[in-house]
Amino acid sequence: MNNRIRKAGGRGLVWLALAIGVSSPLVVAQESAEALGILQRMLKATHDLSYVGVLVYQQGAVSETARLARLFERGSARERMEILDGAPRELFLANDQIECYLPQFHRVTVEQVLPGRSLLPILPASADVAAWYRVRKDGTARIAGRESDTILLEPRDGFRYAQRYWVDRATGMLLKAQTIDDQQAILEQFVFTQMQIGGVLAPSLLRQGYALSRLGSDWRIDRAGIRVNALDDGNWRLSAIPPGYRKTMEVLRGMSHNARVGQIVVSDGVAAVSVFIEPARADVTTDPTGVSRSGAFHVFKRRVDDFVVTAVGEAPALSIQTIAEGVILRR
């Protein structure tokens, strides 16, 4: 799954300022600059800090609780996430590889990822988003016993969702995040309920309960490697992208069953959309086409010659469809 990216909603401060007549370009500029500074600090903190916390992730009516530990030292990070609800599950990230263990099924998936990935359910936005989002402070709150500033990213058009971040005032760490649609409904969110930032982490927090070298012969190991292509050297190109989005990655994934799946990722610095390109199955004469929705994600599928193109991302249906329909073969 890809990763994903986002924005936030709410017009209260804007309407209040208009109502009492105190808004001015200078005030707005100062507020935006302060919010962008907090956003930049949050990006650095989530990358550079070590921490451990218990978080609750919710998408629609489904929620999960997990313990996430991250150790950052000598320029590299290790992360371990243990799902605390339901069947045991564990994820481990190190050396640009994610291992996901499903002991109930004696199965593990191993995926090579690009540098900079994290196991956080919602990743913070790039600081270079002001052209497509109104970025401003939206009050303060106390999260996991810590004072935080709230940052609101409000989309300037219909190609994006909104995002709200709660940022620890002392360290800059992201404590809570929400993705919000144009009807102000919360599509996805996570919040830390307990948090230790910095200091010495107990070694047991990062010790894997499972490891590839200790698995029995009854375990199934699915591996998905990637080969990074030059962004303009692939067989496919995007003829149309919504304003503000750009291609950030193009890879060829080798799956465990020897399938070769191309993936193109486009992002506006907040939202990320993945386009998967794979050969159409010979035993399927009619592939489903059109848009569907799963929680915060929209999916659009179409047939291009002998291939199936699937675009998926946490963005409005208009964006997903525009990107999917813009994928064409180089001639």
C-alpha atoms as a PDB file:
ATOM      1  CA  MET A   1       0.000   0.000   0.000  1.00  0.00           C
ATOM      2  CA  ASN A   2       1.196   2.980  -0.660  1.00  0.00           C
ATOM      3  CA  ASN A   3       1.651   5.456   1.011  1.00  0.00           C
ATOM      4  CA  ARG A   4      -0.354   8.237   1.318  1.00  0.00           C
ATOM      5  CA  ILE A   5      -0.322  11.949   2.018  1.00  0.00           C
ATOM      6  CA  ARG A   6      -3.052  15.151   2.840  1.00  0.00           C
ATOM      7  CA  LYS A   7      -4.892  18.386   4.059  1.00  0.00           C
ATOM      8  CA  ALA A   8      -7.494  19.793   6.566  1.00  0.00           C
ATOM      9  CA  GLY A   9     -10.822  21.550   6.688  1.00  0.00           C
ATOM     10  CA  GLY A  10     -12.726  24.183   8.575  1.00  0.00           C
ATOM     11  CA  ARG A  11     -13.512  27.826   7.754  1.00  0.00           C
ATOM     12  CA  GLY A  12     -14.247  29.175  11.243  1.00  0.00           C
ATOM     13  CA  LEU A  13     -11.358  31.625  11.603  1.00  0.00           C
ATOM     14  CA  VAL A  14     -11.775  32.950   8.073  1.00  0.00           C
ATOM     15  CA  TRP A  15     -15.468  33.677   8.524  1.00  0.00           C
ATOM     16  CA  LEU A  16     -14.886  35.164  11.977  1.00  0.00           C
ATOM     17  CA  ALA A  17     -12.271  37.541  10.631  1.00  0.00           C
ATOM     18  CA  LEU A  18     -14.579  38.675   7.829  1.00  0.00           C
ATOM     19  CA  ALA A  19     -17.466  39.158  10.248  1.00  0.00           C
ATOM     20  CA  ILE A  20     -15.602  41.419  12.673  1.00  0.00           C
ATOM     21  CA  GLY A  21     -13.633  43.235   9.995  1.00  0.00           C
ATOM     22  CA  VAL A  22     -10.112  42.770  11.344  1.00  0.00           C
ATOM     23  CA  SER A  23      -8.584  40.716   8.558  1.00  0.00           C
ATOM     24  CA  SER A  24      -5.769  42.233   6.527  1.00  0.00           C
ATOM     25  CA  PRO A  25      -3.207  40.894   4.024  1.00  0.00           C
ATOM     26  CA  LEU A  26      -0.445  41.479   6.583  1.00  0.00           C
ATOM     27  CA  VAL A  27      -2.228  39.480   9.291  1.00  0.00           C
ATOM     28  CA  VAL A  28      -2.956  36.616   6.891  1.00  0.00           C
ATOM     29  CA  ALA A  29       0.651  36.588   5.650  1.00  0.00           C
ATOM     30  CA  GLN A  30       2.034  36.488   9.175  1.00  0.00           C
ATOM     31  CA  GLU A  31      -0.346  33.711  10.208  1.00  0.00           C
ATOM     32  CA  SER A  32       0.511  31.659   7.130  1.00  0.00           C
ATOM     33  CA  ALA A  33       4.250  32.134   7.664  1.00  0.00           C
ATOM     34  CA  GLU A  34       3.970  30.975  11.279  1.00  0.00           C
ATOM     35  CA  ALA A  35       1.938  27.925  10.267  1.00  0.00           C
ATOM     36  CA  LEU A  36       4.412  27.018   7.522  1.00  0.00           C
ATOM     37  CA  GLY A  37       7.225  27.298  10.051  1.00  0.00           C
ATOM     38  CA  ILE A  38       5.457  24.857  12.365  1.00  0.00           C
ATOM     39  CA  LEU A  39       4.833  22.536   9.408  1.00  0.00           C
ATOM     40  CA  GLN A  40       8.528  22.597   8.484  1.00  0.00           C
ATOM     41  CA  ARG A  41       9.510  21.869  12.085  1.00  0.00           C
ATOM     42  CA  MET A  42       7.080  18.935  12.148  1.00  0.00           C
ATOM     43  CA  LEU A  43       8.640  17.445   9.005  1.00  0.00           C
ATOM     44  CA  LYS A  44      12.108  17.558  10.572  1.00  0.00           C
ATOM     45  CA  ALA A  45      10.904  16.160  13.913  1.00  0.00           C
ATOM     46  CA  THR A  46       9.082  13.162  12.440  1.00  0.00           C
ATOM     47  CA  HIS A  47      12.235  12.322  10.472  1.00  0.00           C
ATOM     48  CA  ASP A  48      14.934  12.994  13.090  1.00  0.00           C
ATOM     49  CA  LEU A  49      13.395  12.040  16.454  1.00  0.00           C
ATOM     50  CA  SER A  50      13.241   8.743  18.286  1.00  0.00           C
ATOM     51  CA  TYR A  51       9.957   8.007  20.043  1.00  0.00           C
ATOM     52  CA  VAL A  52       7.546   5.364  21.261  1.00  0.00           C
ATOM     53  CA  GLY A  53       3.807   5.711  21.630  1.00  0.00           C
ATOM     54  CA  VAL A  54       0.430   4.048  21.536  1.00  0.00           C
ATOM     55  CA  LEU A  55      -1.800   5.315  18.753  1.00  0.00           C
ATOM     56  CA  VAL A  56      -5.369   4.763  17.645  1.00  0.00           C
ATOM     57  CA  TYR A  57      -5.960   4.708  13.882  1.00  0.00           C
ATOM     58  CA  GLN A  58      -9.465   5.093  12.469  1.00  0.00           C
ATOM     59  CA  GLN A  59     -10.829   4.894   8.945  1.00  0.00           C
ATOM     60  CA  GLY A  60     -14.604   5.142   8.768  1.00  0.00           C
ATOM     61  CA  ALA A  61     -16.120   2.870  11.414  1.00  0.00           C
ATOM     62  CA  VAL A  62     -13.001   0.695  11.680  1.00  0.00           C
ATOM     63  CA  SER A  63     -10.335   1.452  14.277  1.00  0.00           C
ATOM     64  CA  GLU A  64      -7.145  -0.213  15.465  1.00  0.00           C
ATOM     65  CA  THR A  65      -4.724   0.386  18.313  1.00  0.00           C
ATOM     66  CA  ALA A  66      -0.988  -0.038  17.831  1.00  0.00           C
ATOM     67  CA  ARG A  67       2.311   0.561  19.583  1.00  0.00           C
ATOM     68  CA  LEU A  68       4.862   2.310  17.372  1.00  0.00           C
ATOM     69  CA  ALA A  69       8.540   2.650  18.304  1.00  0.00           C
ATOM     70  CA  ARG A  70      11.090   4.515  16.195  1.00  0.00           C
ATOM     71  CA  LEU A  71      14.828   4.720  16.780  1.00  0.00           C
ATOM     72  CA  PHE A  72      16.778   7.257  14.724  1.00  0.00           C
ATOM     73  CA  GLU A  73      20.553   7.127  15.068  1.00  0.00           C
ATOM     74  CA  ARG A  74      23.551   7.713  12.823  1.00  0.00           C
ATOM     75  CA  GLY A  75      21.320   8.951  10.021  1.00  0.00           C
ATOM     76  CA  SER A  76      19.073   5.908   9.712  1.00  0.00           C
ATOM     77  CA  ALA A  77      15.859   4.753  11.349  1.00  0.00           C
ATOM     78  CA  ARG A  78      14.337   1.509  12.573  1.00  0.00           C
ATOM     79  CA  GLU A  79      10.646   1.240  13.343  1.00  0.00           C
ATOM     80  CA  ARG A  80       8.505  -1.481  14.869  1.00  0.00           C
ATOM     81  CA  MET A  81       4.712  -1.445  14.993  1.00  0.00           C
ATOM     82  CA  GLU A  82       2.725  -3.981  16.970  1.00  0.00           C
ATOM     83  CA  ILE A  83      -1.036  -4.129  16.385  1.00  0.00           C
ATOM     84  CA  LEU A  84      -2.692  -4.485  19.788  1.00  0.00           C
ATOM     85  CA  ASP A  85      -6.238  -5.370  18.642  1.00  0.00           C
ATOM     86  CA  GLY A  86      -7.469  -8.638  17.202  1.00  0.00           C
ATOM     87  CA  ALA A  87      -5.116 -11.179  15.679  1.00  0.00           C
ATOM     88  CA  PRO A  88      -1.384 -10.517  16.333  1.00  0.00           C
ATOM     89  CA  ARG A  89       0.354  -8.532  13.603  1.00  0.00           C
ATOM     90  CA  GLU A  90       3.763  -6.906  13.530  1.00  0.00           C
ATOM     91  CA  LEU A  91       5.533  -4.587  11.086  1.00  0.00           C
ATOM     92  CA  PHE A  92       9.240  -3.832  11.064  1.00  0.00           C
ATOM     93  CA  LEU A  93      11.002  -1.164   8.985  1.00  0.00           C
ATOM     94  CA  ALA A  94      14.774  -1.041   8.551  1.00  0.00           C
ATOM     95  CA  ASN A  95      17.229  -0.554   5.692  1.00  0.00           C
ATOM     96  CA  ASP A  96      14.410   0.583   3.378  1.00  0.00           C
ATOM     97  CA  GLN A  97      12.591  -2.716   3.837  1.00  0.00           C
ATOM     98  CA  ILE A  98       9.221  -3.357   5.471  1.00  0.00           C
ATOM     99  CA  GLU A  99       8.431  -6.790   6.897  1.00  0.00           C
ATOM    100  CA  CYS A 100       4.793  -7.461   7.800  1.00  0.00           C
ATOM    101  CA  TYR A 101       4.186 -10.589   9.893  1.00  0.00           C
ATOM    102  CA  LEU A 102       0.792 -12.313  10.050  1.00  0.00           C
ATOM    103  CA  PRO A 103       1.398 -15.214  12.441  1.00  0.00           C
ATOM    104  CA  GLN A 104      -2.237 -16.350  12.362  1.00  0.00           C
ATOM    105  CA  PHE A 105      -1.712 -17.290   8.706  1.00  0.00           C
ATOM    106  CA  HIS A 106       2.019 -18.105   8.971  1.00  0.00           C
ATOM    107  CA  ARG A 107       2.680 -15.487   6.342  1.00  0.00           C
ATOM    108  CA  VAL A 108       5.063 -12.560   5.976  1.00  0.00           C
ATOM    109  CA  THR A 109       5.337  -9.956   3.227  1.00  0.00           C
ATOM    110  CA  VAL A 110       8.675  -8.312   2.528  1.00  0.00           C
ATOM    111  CA  GLU A 111       8.753  -5.124   0.490  1.00  0.00           C
ATOM    112  CA  GLN A 112      11.621  -2.891  -0.559  1.00  0.00           C
ATOM    113  CA  VAL A 113      10.647   0.756  -0.221  1.00  0.00           C
ATOM    114  CA  LEU A 114      12.247   4.029  -1.149  1.00  0.00           C
ATOM    115  CA  PRO A 115      14.213   5.994   1.491  1.00  0.00           C
ATOM    116  CA  GLY A 116      12.250   8.167   3.895  1.00  0.00           C
ATOM    117  CA  ARG A 117       9.306   5.823   4.456  1.00  0.00           C
ATOM    118  CA  SER A 118       7.698   5.565   7.888  1.00  0.00           C
ATOM    119  CA  LEU A 119       5.064   3.356   9.488  1.00  0.00           C
ATOM    120  CA  LEU A 120       3.031   6.379  10.602  1.00  0.00           C
ATOM    121  CA  PRO A 121      -0.526   5.886   9.251  1.00  0.00           C
ATOM    122  CA  ILE A 122      -0.698   9.462   7.917  1.00  0.00           C
ATOM    123  CA  LEU A 123       2.551  11.068   6.830  1.00  0.00           C
ATOM    124  CA  PRO A 124       3.080  14.809   7.264  1.00  0.00           C
ATOM    125  CA  ALA A 125       2.809  17.059   4.246  1.00  0.00           C
ATOM    126  CA  SER A 126       5.661  18.715   2.448  1.00  0.00           C
ATOM    127  CA  ALA A 127       6.199  22.322   3.510  1.00  0.00           C
ATOM    128  CA  ASP A 128       6.013  23.412  -0.153  1.00  0.00           C
ATOM    129  CA  VAL A 129       2.215  23.291  -0.395  1.00  0.00           C
ATOM    130  CA  ALA A 130       1.070  26.898  -0.047  1.00  0.00           C
ATOM    131  CA  ALA A 131       0.222  27.211  -3.763  1.00  0.00           C
ATOM    132  CA  TRP A 132      -2.479  24.548  -3.477  1.00  0.00           C
ATOM    133  CA  TYR A 133      -3.495  24.773   0.197  1.00  0.00           C
ATOM    134  CA  ARG A 134      -4.253  27.593   2.591  1.00  0.00           C
ATOM    135  CA  VAL A 135      -1.984  26.844   5.541  1.00  0.00           C
ATOM    136  CA  ARG A 136      -2.856  28.431   8.882  1.00  0.00           C
ATOM    137  CA  LYS A 137      -2.934  27.866  12.607  1.00  0.00           C
ATOM    138  CA  ASP A 138      -6.247  26.619  13.924  1.00  0.00           C
ATOM    139  CA  GLY A 139      -5.916  26.891  17.687  1.00  0.00           C
ATOM    140  CA  THR A 140      -4.248  24.745  20.331  1.00  0.00           C
ATOM    141  CA  ALA A 141      -5.054  21.465  22.066  1.00  0.00           C
ATOM    142  CA  ARG A 142      -3.703  18.988  24.583  1.00  0.00           C
ATOM    143  CA  ILE A 143      -2.884  15.605  23.035  1.00  0.00           C
ATOM    144  CA  ALA A 144      -1.444  12.686  25.026  1.00  0.00           C
ATOM    145  CA  GLY A 145      -0.726  15.097  27.877  1.00  0.00           C
ATOM    146  CA  ARG A 146       1.283  17.437  25.628  1.00  0.00           C
ATOM    147  CA  GLU A 147       0.480  20.982  24.514  1.00  0.00           C
ATOM    148  CA  SER A 148       0.131  21.202  20.754  1.00  0.00           C
ATOM    149  CA  ASP A 149      -0.541  23.706  17.964  1.00  0.00           C
ATOM    150  CA  THR A 150      -3.151  22.810  15.356  1.00  0.00           C
ATOM    151  CA  ILE A 151      -2.278  23.399  11.695  1.00  0.00           C
ATOM    152  CA  LEU A 152      -4.960  23.451   9.020  1.00  0.00           C
ATOM    153  CA  LEU A 153      -4.317  22.754   5.332  1.00  0.00           C
ATOM    154  CA  GLU A 154      -7.353  23.836   3.349  1.00  0.00           C
ATOM    155  CA  PRO A 155      -7.475  22.935  -0.383  1.00  0.00           C
ATOM    156  CA  ARG A 156      -7.812  25.748  -2.888  1.00  0.00           C
ATOM    157  CA  ASP A 157      -9.697  23.569  -5.419  1.00  0.00           C
ATOM    158  CA  GLY A 158     -11.630  20.324  -5.749  1.00  0.00           C
ATOM    159  CA  PHE A 159      -8.633  18.119  -6.523  1.00  0.00           C
ATOM    160  CA  ARG A 160      -7.631  17.690  -2.867  1.00  0.00           C
ATOM    161  CA  TYR A 161      -8.898  16.854   0.582  1.00  0.00           C
ATOM    162  CA  ALA A 162      -8.170  18.895   3.672  1.00  0.00           C
ATOM    163  CA  GLN A 163      -5.720  17.934   6.389  1.00  0.00           C
ATOM    164  CA  ARG A 164      -5.377  18.914  10.031  1.00  0.00           C
ATOM    165  CA  TYR A 165      -2.258  18.305  12.139  1.00  0.00           C
ATOM    166  CA  TRP A 166      -1.686  18.576  15.878  1.00  0.00           C
ATOM    167  CA  VAL A 167       1.997  19.382  16.468  1.00  0.00           C
ATOM    168  CA  ASP A 168       3.784  19.026  19.812  1.00  0.00           C
ATOM    169  CA  ARG A 169       4.879  22.491  20.872  1.00  0.00           C
ATOM    170  CA  ALA A 170       7.988  21.276  22.697  1.00  0.00           C
ATOM    171  CA  THR A 171       9.471  18.948  20.054  1.00  0.00           C
ATOM    172  CA  GLY A 172       7.567  19.498  16.790  1.00  0.00           C
ATOM    173  CA  MET A 173       6.429  15.863  16.718  1.00  0.00           C
ATOM    174  CA  LEU A 174       3.159  15.016  14.950  1.00  0.00           C
ATOM    175  CA  LEU A 175       0.710  13.835  17.629  1.00  0.00           C
ATOM    176  CA  LYS A 176      -2.543  13.631  15.669  1.00  0.00           C
ATOM    177  CA  ALA A 177      -3.655  13.929  12.048  1.00  0.00           C
ATOM    178  CA  GLN A 178      -6.961  13.971  10.192  1.00  0.00           C
ATOM    179  CA  THR A 179      -7.994  13.788   6.552  1.00  0.00           C
ATOM    180  CA  ILE A 180     -11.255  15.664   5.909  1.00  0.00           C
ATOM    181  CA  ASP A 181     -13.469  15.772   2.820  1.00  0.00           C
ATOM    182  CA  ASP A 182     -15.395  18.713   1.358  1.00  0.00           C
ATOM    183  CA  GLN A 183     -18.398  17.874   3.564  1.00  0.00           C
ATOM    184  CA  GLN A 184     -16.203  18.177   6.682  1.00  0.00           C
ATOM    185  CA  ALA A 185     -16.423  14.426   7.314  1.00  0.00           C
ATOM    186  CA  ILE A 186     -13.319  12.835   8.846  1.00  0.00           C
ATOM    187  CA  LEU A 187     -12.192  10.175   6.393  1.00  0.00           C
ATOM    188  CA  GLU A 188      -9.148   8.995   8.301  1.00  0.00           C
ATOM    189  CA  GLN A 189      -7.293   9.909  11.470  1.00  0.00           C
ATOM    190  CA  PHE A 190      -4.744   8.759  13.996  1.00  0.00           C
ATOM    191  CA  VAL A 191      -3.920  10.058  17.461  1.00  0.00           C
ATOM    192  CA  PHE A 192      -1.238   9.133  19.953  1.00  0.00           C
ATOM    193  CA  THR A 193      -2.789   8.431  23.360  1.00  0.00           C
ATOM    194  CA  GLN A 194       0.590   7.832  25.036  1.00  0.00           C
ATOM    195  CA  MET A 195       3.897   9.256  23.870  1.00  0.00           C
ATOM    196  CA  GLN A 196       7.571   9.307  24.864  1.00  0.00           C
ATOM    197  CA  ILE A 197       9.673  11.528  22.609  1.00  0.00           C
ATOM    198  CA  GLY A 198      13.462  11.304  22.766  1.00  0.00           C
ATOM    199  CA  GLY A 199      15.433   9.823  25.602  1.00  0.00           C
ATOM    200  CA  VAL A 200      16.589   6.224  25.787  1.00  0.00           C
ATOM    201  CA  LEU A 201      14.237   3.645  24.303  1.00  0.00           C
ATOM    202  CA  ALA A 202      14.097   0.226  25.917  1.00  0.00           C
ATOM    203  CA  PRO A 203      15.696  -2.320  23.525  1.00  0.00           C
ATOM    204  CA  SER A 204      12.651  -4.570  23.888  1.00  0.00           C
ATOM    205  CA  LEU A 205      10.494  -1.968  22.109  1.00  0.00           C
ATOM    206  CA  LEU A 206      12.368  -2.583  18.846  1.00  0.00           C
ATOM    207  CA  ARG A 207      12.999  -6.280  19.327  1.00  0.00           C
ATOM    208  CA  GLN A 208      11.137  -8.268  16.699  1.00  0.00           C
ATOM    209  CA  GLY A 209       8.767 -10.947  17.903  1.00  0.00           C
ATOM    210  CA  TYR A 210       9.312 -12.613  14.534  1.00  0.00           C
ATOM    211  CA  ALA A 211      12.271 -12.569  12.145  1.00  0.00           C
ATOM    212  CA  LEU A 212      12.878 -13.982   8.681  1.00  0.00           C
ATOM    213  CA  SER A 213      15.835 -16.036   9.924  1.00  0.00           C
ATOM    214  CA  ARG A 214      13.748 -17.750  12.609  1.00  0.00           C
ATOM    215  CA  LEU A 215      10.647 -18.688  10.627  1.00  0.00           C
ATOM    216  CA  GLY A 216       9.655 -22.320  10.276  1.00  0.00           C
ATOM    217  CA  SER A 217       9.197 -24.108   6.975  1.00  0.00           C
ATOM    218  CA  ASP A 218       5.423 -23.717   7.277  1.00  0.00           C
ATOM    219  CA  TRP A 219       5.655 -19.950   6.815  1.00  0.00           C
ATOM    220  CA  ARG A 220       4.974 -18.364   3.436  1.00  0.00           C
ATOM    221  CA  ILE A 221       7.269 -15.470   2.482  1.00  0.00           C
ATOM    222  CA  ASP A 222       6.030 -13.063  -0.193  1.00  0.00           C
ATOM    223  CA  ARG A 223       8.683 -10.718  -1.528  1.00  0.00           C
ATOM    224  CA  ALA A 224       8.121  -7.621  -3.621  1.00  0.00           C
ATOM    225  CA  GLY A 225      11.261  -5.997  -4.964  1.00  0.00           C
ATOM    226  CA  ILE A 226      11.455  -2.697  -6.805  1.00  0.00           C
ATOM    227  CA  ARG A 227      13.628  -1.319  -9.568  1.00  0.00           C
ATOM    228  CA  VAL A 228      13.658   2.454  -9.785  1.00  0.00           C
ATOM    229  CA  ASN A 229      13.362   3.780 -13.321  1.00  0.00           C
ATOM    230  CA  ALA A 230      14.390   7.213 -14.458  1.00  0.00           C
ATOM    231  CA  LEU A 231      11.178   9.224 -14.257  1.00  0.00           C
ATOM    232  CA  ASP A 232      11.035   9.744 -18.000  1.00  0.00           C
ATOM    233  CA  ASP A 233      12.464   6.417 -19.214  1.00  0.00           C
ATOM    234  CA  GLY A 234       9.459   4.140 -18.656  1.00  0.00           C
ATOM    235  CA  ASN A 235       7.141   2.722 -21.282  1.00  0.00           C
ATOM    236  CA  TRP A 236       4.253   4.747 -19.917  1.00  0.00           C
ATOM    237  CA  ARG A 237       3.619   8.420 -19.508  1.00  0.00           C
ATOM    238  CA  LEU A 238       1.022  10.678 -17.939  1.00  0.00           C
ATOM    239  CA  SER A 239      -0.666  12.920 -20.474  1.00  0.00           C
ATOM    240  CA  ALA A 240      -2.827  14.696 -17.886  1.00  0.00           C
ATOM    241  CA  ILE A 241      -2.314  15.450 -14.192  1.00  0.00           C
ATOM    242  CA  PRO A 242      -4.475  17.672 -11.961  1.00  0.00           C
ATOM    243  CA  PRO A 243      -2.959  21.078 -11.145  1.00  0.00           C
ATOM    244  CA  GLY A 244      -0.292  20.897  -8.468  1.00  0.00           C
ATOM    245  CA  TYR A 245       0.409  17.193  -8.844  1.00  0.00           C
ATOM    246  CA  ARG A 246       3.690  15.919 -10.252  1.00  0.00           C
ATOM    247  CA  LYS A 247       5.271  12.560 -10.847  1.00  0.00           C
ATOM    248  CA  THR A 248       7.569  11.687  -7.939  1.00  0.00           C
ATOM    249  CA  MET A 249       8.428   8.047  -8.528  1.00  0.00           C
ATOM    250  CA  GLU A 250       8.351   5.373 -11.196  1.00  0.00           C
ATOM    251  CA  VAL A 251       9.274   1.801 -10.310  1.00  0.00           C
ATOM    252  CA  LEU A 252       8.919  -1.717 -11.615  1.00  0.00           C
ATOM    253  CA  ARG A 253       7.868  -4.147  -8.913  1.00  0.00           C
ATOM    254  CA  GLY A 254       8.835  -7.801  -9.026  1.00  0.00           C
ATOM    255  CA  MET A 255       6.180  -9.809  -7.190  1.00  0.00           C
ATOM    256  CA  SER A 256       6.618 -13.203  -5.550  1.00  0.00           C
ATOM    257  CA  HIS A 257       4.652 -14.908  -8.333  1.00  0.00           C
ATOM    258  CA  ASN A 258       7.051 -13.448 -10.960  1.00  0.00           C
ATOM    259  CA  ALA A 259       4.582 -10.832 -12.126  1.00  0.00           C
ATOM    260  CA  ARG A 260       6.007  -7.467 -13.198  1.00  0.00           C
ATOM    261  CA  VAL A 261       3.868  -4.553 -12.090  1.00  0.00           C
ATOM    262  CA  GLY A 262       4.713  -0.971 -12.987  1.00  0.00           C
ATOM    263  CA  GLN A 263       3.934   1.751 -10.465  1.00  0.00           C
ATOM    264  CA  ILE A 264       3.872   5.513 -10.964  1.00  0.00           C
ATOM    265  CA  VAL A 265       3.353   7.784  -7.964  1.00  0.00           C
ATOM    266  CA  VAL A 266       2.138  11.366  -8.295  1.00  0.00           C
ATOM    267  CA  SER A 267       1.773  13.801  -5.418  1.00  0.00           C
ATOM    268  CA  ASP A 268       1.002  17.413  -4.650  1.00  0.00           C
ATOM    269  CA  GLY A 269       3.108  17.272  -1.486  1.00  0.00           C
ATOM    270  CA  VAL A 270       0.112  16.173   0.607  1.00  0.00           C
ATOM    271  CA  ALA A 271      -1.986  13.672  -1.336  1.00  0.00           C
ATOM    272  CA  ALA A 272      -0.310  10.723  -3.068  1.00  0.00           C
ATOM    273  CA  VAL A 273      -1.845   8.684  -5.880  1.00  0.00           C
ATOM    274  CA  SER A 274      -0.366   5.387  -7.068  1.00  0.00           C
ATOM    275  CA  VAL A 275      -0.975   4.113 -10.574  1.00  0.00           C
ATOM    276  CA  PHE A 276      -0.430   0.371 -11.057  1.00  0.00           C
ATOM    277  CA  ILE A 277       0.031  -1.034 -14.562  1.00  0.00           C
ATOM    278  CA  GLU A 278      -0.100  -4.794 -15.088  1.00  0.00           C
ATOM    279  CA  PRO A 279      -0.832  -7.170 -17.944  1.00  0.00           C
ATOM    280  CA  ALA A 280      -4.484  -8.105 -18.279  1.00  0.00           C
ATOM    281  CA  ARG A 281      -5.193 -11.682 -17.237  1.00  0.00           C
ATOM    282  CA  ALA A 282      -5.865 -14.025 -20.112  1.00  0.00           C
ATOM    283  CA  ASP A 283      -8.725 -15.689 -18.240  1.00  0.00           C
ATOM    284  CA  VAL A 284     -10.548 -12.391 -17.666  1.00  0.00           C
ATOM    285  CA  THR A 285     -12.311 -11.131 -20.774  1.00  0.00           C
ATOM    286  CA  THR A 286     -13.931  -8.065 -19.202  1.00  0.00           C
ATOM    287  CA  ASP A 287     -12.137  -6.051 -16.527  1.00  0.00           C
ATOM    288  CA  PRO A 288     -14.216  -3.823 -14.244  1.00  0.00           C
ATOM    289  CA  THR A 289     -13.807  -0.169 -15.085  1.00  0.00           C
ATOM    290  CA  GLY A 290     -14.792   3.087 -13.448  1.00  0.00           C
ATOM    291  CA  VAL A 291     -14.474   4.563  -9.977  1.00  0.00           C
ATOM    292  CA  SER A 292     -15.102   2.942  -6.602  1.00  0.00           C
ATOM    293  CA  ARG A 293     -14.430   3.922  -3.019  1.00  0.00           C
ATOM    294  CA  SER A 294     -12.907   2.134  -0.048  1.00  0.00           C
ATOM    295  CA  GLY A 295     -12.856   4.258   3.109  1.00  0.00           C
ATOM    296  CA  ALA A 296     -10.765   7.346   2.443  1.00  0.00           C
ATOM    297  CA  PHE A 297      -9.454   5.914  -0.838  1.00  0.00           C
ATOM    298  CA  HIS A 298     -10.852   6.227  -4.327  1.00  0.00           C
ATOM    299  CA  VAL A 299      -9.974   3.638  -6.978  1.00  0.00           C
ATOM    300  CA  PHE A 300     -10.300   4.031 -10.739  1.00  0.00           C
ATOM    301  CA  LYS A 301      -9.623   1.144 -13.120  1.00  0.00           C
ATOM    302  CA  ARG A 302      -9.454   1.099 -16.913  1.00  0.00           C
ATOM    303  CA  ARG A 303      -8.169  -1.085 -19.740  1.00  0.00           C
ATOM    304  CA  VAL A 304      -5.365   0.175 -22.009  1.00  0.00           C
ATOM    305  CA  ASP A 305      -4.605  -2.232 -24.844  1.00  0.00           C
ATOM    306  CA  ASP A 306      -3.522  -5.472 -23.133  1.00  0.00           C
ATOM    307  CA  PHE A 307      -2.966  -3.851 -19.757  1.00  0.00           C
ATOM    308  CA  VAL A 308      -5.053  -2.878 -16.745  1.00  0.00           C
ATOM    309  CA  VAL A 309      -4.395   0.560 -15.250  1.00  0.00           C
ATOM    310  CA  THR A 310      -5.502   1.081 -11.645  1.00  0.00           C
ATOM    311  CA  ALA A 311      -5.174   4.420  -9.862  1.00  0.00           C
ATOM    312  CA  VAL A 312      -5.677   4.511  -6.099  1.00  0.00           C
ATOM    313  CA  GLY A 313      -5.195   7.268  -3.588  1.00  0.00           C
ATOM    314  CA  GLU A 314      -6.569   9.319  -0.747  1.00  0.00           C
ATOM    315  CA  ALA A 315      -7.905  12.059  -2.987  1.00  0.00           C
ATOM    316  CA  PRO A 316     -11.260  13.066  -4.519  1.00  0.00           C
ATOM    317  CA  ALA A 317     -12.633  10.851  -7.285  1.00  0.00           C
ATOM    318  CA  LEU A 318     -12.042  13.638  -9.818  1.00  0.00           C
ATOM    319  CA  SER A 319      -8.299  13.551  -9.182  1.00  0.00           C
ATOM    320  CA  ILE A 320      -8.062   9.763  -9.306  1.00  0.00           C
ATOM    321  CA  GLN A 321     -10.020   9.534 -12.560  1.00  0.00           C
ATOM    322  CA  THR A 322      -8.073  12.372 -14.212  1.00  0.00           C
ATOM    323  CA  ILE A 323      -4.766  10.692 -13.409  1.00  0.00           C
ATOM    324  CA  ALA A 324      -5.910   7.215 -14.488  1.00  0.00           C
ATOM    325  CA  GLU A 325      -7.331   8.457 -17.786  1.00  0.00           C
ATOM    326  CA  GLY A 326      -4.108  10.323 -18.488  1.00  0.00           C
ATOM    327  CA  VAL A 327      -1.956   7.151 -18.473  1.00  0.00           C
ATOM    328  CA  ILE A 328      -0.950   6.227 -22.039  1.00  0.00           C
ATOM    329  CA  LEU A 329       1.602   3.971 -23.706  1.00  0.00           C
ATOM    330  CA  ARG A 330       4.610   5.628 -25.302  1.00  0.00           C
ATOM    331  CA  ARG A 331       4.498   5.167 -29.066  1.00  0.00           C
END
